[in-house]
Amino acid sequence: MKILFLTENFPPETNAAATRVYERALYWVRDGHQVTILTCAPNFPQGKLFDGWENKWRQVQHMDGLRVVRVKTYISANEGFAKRTLDFVSFMATAYGAGLFEDRPDVVISTSPQFFAAVGGWALAASRRVPFVFELGDLWPRSITAVGAMKPSPVIRALERLELFLYRRSAAVIALTRAFKDDLTRRAIDPRKVAVVINGVDLPRYAPRPRDAELAAAWGLTDKFVLGYVGTHGMAHGLINVLDAAERLKDDDRIRFLFLRAGAERQMLMDQAAPPRFDPCGCPRACRRKEMMPPILALVRTWRWWI
């Protein structure tokens, strides 16, 4: 089978969508399928091109048996509704255009977030007269109002109508949580077309291991009780509550709070956590190297973790 997959996030980015799409696509390749990924130059979540990359109209690479086509987009940091929407729409348009010049696939799949990648995927599938599968990773645009980025408005209602249109026109919807399927069913989407496939984990990679003494010493965590968050520092994650907890515990020198990775709220968290107010809070430089995650997690006794 020829699979054409639209995703704005893809390795070397390391957020949930990038990891999920890449690792699952490897299984498809091992099963004998031909997989082409339509994506953009890596820049998430800081909205800056990764070192060594260019934002070109079209660049093709081969990665572990996958054919990866990267298209030019308007690049914006993961903050601010207007700029993020322009980023999303630009990927929708350029990915759709690039997809018209690919060999005709047997199926087109798009993942969200972001939502407009699904719009581009549906349009591309309709143009190529093949089935469209919508992988639902977020209830967008509802998540926009949930975090207070926008209030209910005619724009939000129009986006909700477009959202329902995509669900109804897709051959199948892959929901990442059971709650997503329940939500779609309540909104009259046929439950028979909605499958739940939750995020997985590479258990051997993340098996328990002893602490890395050198890493602990470098980050000032030797003999400390570490509570950490490893994942996107976004508006939806409520990490300010962790700082509230840290303030209550700041007189206990045994405890350290570790924030790792990047996102729209990271700078605010770093400002709030700066000494002397939050001496027990640490915000090491964002880490893009996935192989660093197991030793980092070994430092942490309790964590909130998104791959």
Protein backbone atom coordinates (compact mmCIF):
# COMPACT_ATOMS: atom_id res chain seq x y z
CA MET A 1 0.00 0.00 0.00
CA LYS A 2 1.13 3.55 -0.76
CA ILE A 3 0.54 5.78 2.25
CA LEU A 4 0.77 9.58 2.08
CA PHE A 5 0.90 11.14 5.55
CA LEU A 6 0.57 14.86 6.34
CA THR A 7 2.05 16.09 9.61
CA GLU A 8 3.55 19.46 10.44
CA ASN A 9 5.72 17.88 13.15
CA PHE A 10 8.32 15.25 12.35
CA PRO A 11 11.84 14.30 13.54
CA PRO A 12 14.26 15.79 14.35
CA GLU A 13 11.44 17.48 16.29
CA THR A 14 10.68 15.44 19.40
CA ASN A 15 7.14 16.33 20.42
CA ALA A 16 4.36 13.76 20.70
CA ALA A 17 3.06 14.06 17.13
CA ALA A 18 6.51 13.86 15.56
CA THR A 19 7.48 10.79 17.56
CA ARG A 20 4.14 9.04 17.08
CA VAL A 21 4.04 9.49 13.31
CA TYR A 22 7.67 8.51 12.78
CA GLU A 23 7.73 5.40 14.93
CA ARG A 24 4.43 4.06 13.62
CA ALA A 25 5.49 4.72 10.02
CA LEU A 26 8.54 2.53 10.63
CA TYR A 27 6.21 -0.37 11.42
CA TRP A 28 4.35 0.22 8.16
CA VAL A 29 7.61 0.14 6.22
CA ARG A 30 8.63 -3.09 7.94
CA ASP A 31 5.28 -4.55 6.86
CA GLY A 32 6.09 -3.74 3.23
CA HIS A 33 4.16 -0.50 2.73
CA GLN A 34 5.51 2.56 0.90
CA VAL A 35 5.28 5.62 3.13
CA THR A 36 5.73 9.24 2.10
CA ILE A 37 5.65 11.92 4.80
CA LEU A 38 4.65 15.47 3.87
CA THR A 39 6.00 17.82 6.52
CA CYS A 40 7.98 21.07 6.92
CA ALA A 41 11.45 22.10 8.04
CA PRO A 42 11.93 21.36 11.76
CA ASN A 43 11.23 24.40 13.95
CA PHE A 44 8.80 23.38 16.71
CA PRO A 45 8.14 24.64 19.36
CA GLN A 46 10.37 27.74 19.39
CA GLY A 47 9.56 28.76 15.82
CA LYS A 48 13.21 28.75 14.79
CA LEU A 49 14.79 26.54 12.18
CA PHE A 50 16.92 23.80 13.66
CA ASP A 51 20.63 24.15 12.93
CA GLY A 52 21.59 22.98 9.45
CA TRP A 53 18.08 23.24 7.98
CA GLU A 54 16.58 25.61 5.40
CA ASN A 55 12.97 26.59 4.79
CA LYS A 56 12.80 25.61 1.10
CA TRP A 57 9.80 25.15 -1.16
CA ARG A 58 10.59 21.46 -1.52
CA GLN A 59 13.30 19.19 -0.20
CA VAL A 60 13.29 15.40 -0.25
CA GLN A 61 15.16 13.08 2.07
CA HIS A 62 15.08 9.39 2.92
CA MET A 63 14.95 8.38 6.56
CA ASP A 64 14.93 4.75 7.71
CA GLY A 65 12.95 3.61 4.68
CA LEU A 66 10.58 6.60 4.74
CA ARG A 67 10.41 9.15 1.93
CA VAL A 68 10.18 12.57 3.58
CA VAL A 69 9.10 15.62 1.56
CA ARG A 70 9.52 18.93 3.39
CA VAL A 71 7.71 22.04 2.16
CA LYS A 72 8.11 25.75 2.82
CA THR A 73 5.91 27.30 5.50
CA TYR A 74 5.48 30.51 7.45
CA ILE A 75 7.36 29.73 10.67
CA SER A 76 6.06 30.99 13.99
CA ALA A 77 6.72 30.13 17.61
CA ASN A 78 4.11 28.08 19.45
CA GLU A 79 2.39 31.20 20.81
CA GLY A 80 -0.14 33.77 19.64
CA PHE A 81 -3.30 32.71 17.82
CA ALA A 82 -2.91 34.81 14.66
CA LYS A 83 0.68 33.87 13.85
CA ARG A 84 0.15 30.22 14.72
CA THR A 85 -2.89 30.10 12.45
CA LEU A 86 -0.89 31.61 9.60
CA ASP A 87 1.77 28.95 10.22
CA PHE A 88 -0.88 26.22 10.12
CA VAL A 89 -2.62 27.51 6.99
CA SER A 90 0.66 27.89 5.12
CA PHE A 91 1.48 24.23 5.76
CA MET A 92 -2.00 23.20 4.65
CA ALA A 93 -1.52 25.03 1.34
CA THR A 94 2.05 24.00 0.53
CA ALA A 95 1.55 20.38 1.62
CA TYR A 96 -1.56 20.15 -0.53
CA GLY A 97 0.32 21.55 -3.52
CA ALA A 98 3.25 19.20 -3.02
CA GLY A 99 0.94 16.23 -2.63
CA LEU A 100 -0.54 16.80 -6.07
CA PHE A 101 2.86 16.01 -7.59
CA GLU A 102 3.40 12.80 -5.63
CA ASP A 103 2.53 9.38 -7.04
CA ARG A 104 -1.13 8.61 -6.46
CA PRO A 105 -1.39 7.03 -2.99
CA ASP A 106 -3.84 4.40 -1.81
CA VAL A 107 -4.74 6.45 1.25
CA VAL A 108 -4.06 9.93 2.65
CA ILE A 109 -3.69 10.33 6.42
CA SER A 110 -3.40 13.57 8.39
CA THR A 111 -2.73 14.05 12.08
CA SER A 112 -3.77 16.79 14.46
CA PRO A 113 -2.73 18.94 16.07
CA GLN A 114 -2.63 21.02 14.04
CA PHE A 115 -6.14 21.11 12.62
CA PHE A 116 -5.41 22.60 9.20
CA ALA A 117 -3.14 19.69 8.30
CA ALA A 118 -6.33 17.64 8.31
CA VAL A 119 -8.01 20.14 5.98
CA GLY A 120 -5.10 19.81 3.56
CA GLY A 121 -5.21 16.04 3.85
CA TRP A 122 -8.92 15.85 3.11
CA ALA A 123 -8.55 18.18 0.09
CA LEU A 124 -5.63 16.16 -1.21
CA ALA A 125 -7.48 12.86 -0.79
CA ALA A 126 -10.51 14.30 -2.58
CA SER A 127 -8.34 15.58 -5.45
CA ARG A 128 -6.57 12.23 -5.81
CA ARG A 129 -9.84 10.28 -5.32
CA VAL A 130 -8.55 8.13 -2.47
CA PRO A 131 -9.78 7.54 1.12
CA PHE A 132 -8.92 10.06 3.81
CA VAL A 133 -8.10 9.03 7.40
CA PHE A 134 -8.11 11.66 10.15
CA GLU A 135 -5.91 10.98 13.19
CA LEU A 136 -7.38 13.06 15.99
CA GLY A 137 -4.75 14.22 18.48
CA ASP A 138 -6.60 17.23 19.87
CA LEU A 139 -10.17 18.54 19.96
CA TRP A 140 -9.40 21.69 18.01
CA PRO A 141 -10.85 24.37 18.00
CA ARG A 142 -12.32 23.54 21.42
CA SER A 143 -8.83 23.51 22.91
CA ILE A 144 -8.38 27.15 21.84
CA THR A 145 -11.26 28.33 24.03
CA ALA A 146 -10.38 25.86 26.80
CA VAL A 147 -7.01 27.55 27.41
CA GLY A 148 -8.45 31.04 27.03
CA ALA A 149 -6.64 31.87 23.79
CA MET A 150 -9.97 32.91 22.24
CA LYS A 151 -13.52 33.37 23.44
CA PRO A 152 -16.50 31.73 21.70
CA SER A 153 -17.15 33.70 18.53
CA PRO A 154 -18.39 33.35 14.95
CA VAL A 155 -14.84 32.34 13.95
CA ILE A 156 -14.81 29.52 16.50
CA ARG A 157 -18.26 28.36 15.42
CA ALA A 158 -17.15 28.32 11.77
CA LEU A 159 -14.10 26.25 12.69
CA GLU A 160 -16.32 23.83 14.62
CA ARG A 161 -18.48 23.33 11.53
CA LEU A 162 -15.35 22.65 9.50
CA GLU A 163 -14.20 20.21 12.19
CA LEU A 164 -17.46 18.24 11.97
CA PHE A 165 -17.25 18.29 8.17
CA LEU A 166 -13.85 16.59 8.33
CA TYR A 167 -15.06 13.91 10.73
CA ARG A 168 -18.03 13.13 8.52
CA ARG A 169 -16.09 13.08 5.26
CA SER A 170 -13.24 10.91 6.51
CA ALA A 171 -13.23 7.19 5.79
CA ALA A 172 -12.06 6.64 9.38
CA VAL A 173 -11.12 8.67 12.44
CA ILE A 174 -8.29 7.50 14.69
CA ALA A 175 -8.83 8.98 18.16
CA LEU A 176 -5.86 9.06 20.53
CA THR A 177 -8.07 8.83 23.63
CA ARG A 178 -11.37 7.19 24.49
CA ALA A 179 -12.66 10.57 25.63
CA PHE A 180 -12.15 11.91 22.10
CA LYS A 181 -14.29 9.10 20.69
CA ASP A 182 -16.97 9.75 23.29
CA ASP A 183 -16.98 13.43 22.35
CA LEU A 184 -17.38 12.66 18.65
CA THR A 185 -20.17 10.18 19.34
CA ARG A 186 -22.05 12.80 21.37
CA ARG A 187 -21.81 15.07 18.33
CA ALA A 188 -23.46 12.49 16.08
CA ILE A 189 -20.32 11.06 14.45
CA ASP A 190 -20.85 7.39 13.61
CA PRO A 191 -18.96 5.47 16.34
CA ARG A 192 -18.30 2.62 13.90
CA LYS A 193 -15.87 4.80 11.95
CA VAL A 194 -13.94 5.95 15.05
CA ALA A 195 -11.13 3.73 16.38
CA VAL A 196 -9.15 4.45 19.54
CA VAL A 197 -5.37 4.01 19.20
CA ILE A 198 -3.59 5.48 22.21
CA ASN A 199 0.02 6.64 22.31
CA GLY A 200 2.52 3.88 22.96
CA VAL A 201 6.00 3.67 24.40
CA ASP A 202 9.18 1.83 23.52
CA LEU A 203 9.46 -0.17 26.75
CA PRO A 204 13.05 -1.41 26.28
CA ARG A 205 14.26 2.17 25.65
CA TYR A 206 12.60 3.49 28.80
CA ALA A 207 13.24 0.56 31.13
CA PRO A 208 14.23 1.51 34.72
CA ARG A 209 17.92 2.31 35.09
CA PRO A 210 20.23 3.68 37.78
CA ARG A 211 20.90 7.39 37.98
CA ASP A 212 23.66 8.87 35.84
CA ALA A 213 25.96 10.32 38.50
CA GLU A 214 27.72 12.70 36.09
CA LEU A 215 24.43 14.12 34.77
CA ALA A 216 23.06 14.51 38.29
CA ALA A 217 26.20 16.36 39.36
CA ALA A 218 26.17 18.61 36.29
CA TRP A 219 22.60 19.69 37.05
CA GLY A 220 23.07 19.98 40.80
CA LEU A 221 20.76 17.06 41.52
CA THR A 222 23.06 14.70 43.42
CA ASP A 223 21.26 13.35 46.51
CA LYS A 224 18.17 15.42 45.68
CA PHE A 225 14.57 14.28 45.45
CA VAL A 226 13.64 15.35 41.91
CA LEU A 227 10.14 15.97 40.61
CA GLY A 228 10.10 16.74 36.92
CA TYR A 229 8.11 17.65 33.88
CA VAL A 230 9.50 16.52 30.53
CA GLY A 231 7.35 17.77 27.67
CA THR A 232 5.97 20.81 25.89
CA HIS A 233 5.55 23.86 28.12
CA GLY A 234 2.26 24.94 26.55
CA MET A 235 -0.80 26.93 27.51
CA ALA A 236 -2.83 23.75 28.06
CA HIS A 237 -0.46 22.18 30.55
CA GLY A 238 -1.00 24.41 33.59
CA LEU A 239 2.62 24.30 34.73
CA ILE A 240 2.18 27.44 36.81
CA ASN A 241 0.54 25.09 39.33
CA VAL A 242 3.85 23.25 39.68
CA LEU A 243 5.51 26.54 40.59
CA ASP A 244 2.82 27.10 43.21
CA ALA A 245 3.71 23.71 44.69
CA ALA A 246 7.42 24.55 44.52
CA GLU A 247 6.84 27.75 46.47
CA ARG A 248 5.31 25.77 49.31
CA LEU A 249 8.35 23.48 49.38
CA LYS A 250 11.13 25.97 48.72
CA ASP A 251 12.47 25.76 52.28
CA ASP A 252 13.17 22.04 51.90
CA ASP A 253 16.65 21.82 50.36
CA ARG A 254 16.22 18.13 49.54
CA ILE A 255 13.63 18.79 46.82
CA ARG A 256 14.24 19.98 43.26
CA PHE A 257 11.73 20.62 40.48
CA LEU A 258 13.02 19.95 36.98
CA PHE A 259 11.43 21.49 33.87
CA LEU A 260 12.78 20.22 30.57
CA ARG A 261 11.96 20.95 26.92
CA ALA A 262 10.37 24.07 25.43
CA GLY A 263 7.07 25.72 24.57
CA ALA A 264 5.00 28.89 24.60
CA GLU A 265 4.98 29.15 28.40
CA ARG A 266 8.63 28.24 29.04
CA GLN A 267 10.01 31.76 29.25
CA MET A 268 7.27 32.80 31.66
CA LEU A 269 8.03 29.75 33.80
CA MET A 270 11.76 30.50 33.74
CA ASP A 271 11.08 34.10 34.79
CA GLN A 272 8.78 32.99 37.61
CA ALA A 273 11.19 30.26 38.74
CA ALA A 274 14.30 32.45 38.76
CA PRO A 275 16.25 32.65 42.04
CA PRO A 276 15.87 33.81 44.70
CA ARG A 277 12.11 33.23 44.59
CA PHE A 278 12.33 29.62 43.43
CA ASP A 279 15.76 28.32 44.24
CA PRO A 280 14.64 24.66 44.00
CA CYS A 281 13.41 25.03 40.41
CA GLY A 282 15.63 24.21 37.46
CA CYS A 283 15.06 24.90 33.77
CA PRO A 284 17.96 23.30 31.89
CA ARG A 285 18.36 24.08 28.22
CA ALA A 286 15.74 22.44 26.01
CA CYS A 287 16.92 18.98 24.96
CA ARG A 288 16.18 17.77 21.43
CA ARG A 289 18.16 14.56 21.63
CA LYS A 290 15.77 11.71 22.26
CA GLU A 291 18.55 9.42 23.41
CA MET A 292 19.02 11.76 26.39
CA MET A 293 15.51 11.10 27.69
CA PRO A 294 16.14 7.76 29.48
CA PRO A 295 19.03 9.07 31.64
CA ILE A 296 17.08 12.27 32.30
CA LEU A 297 14.03 10.35 33.45
CA ALA A 298 16.26 8.24 35.68
CA LEU A 299 17.02 11.44 37.63
CA VAL A 300 13.36 11.97 38.34
CA ARG A 301 11.41 10.17 41.03
CA THR A 302 8.00 11.41 39.87
CA TRP A 303 7.25 12.84 36.47
CA ARG A 304 4.63 14.06 34.05
CA TRP A 305 5.83 12.70 30.74
CA TRP A 306 4.76 13.18 27.12
CA ILE A 307 6.94 11.54 24.45
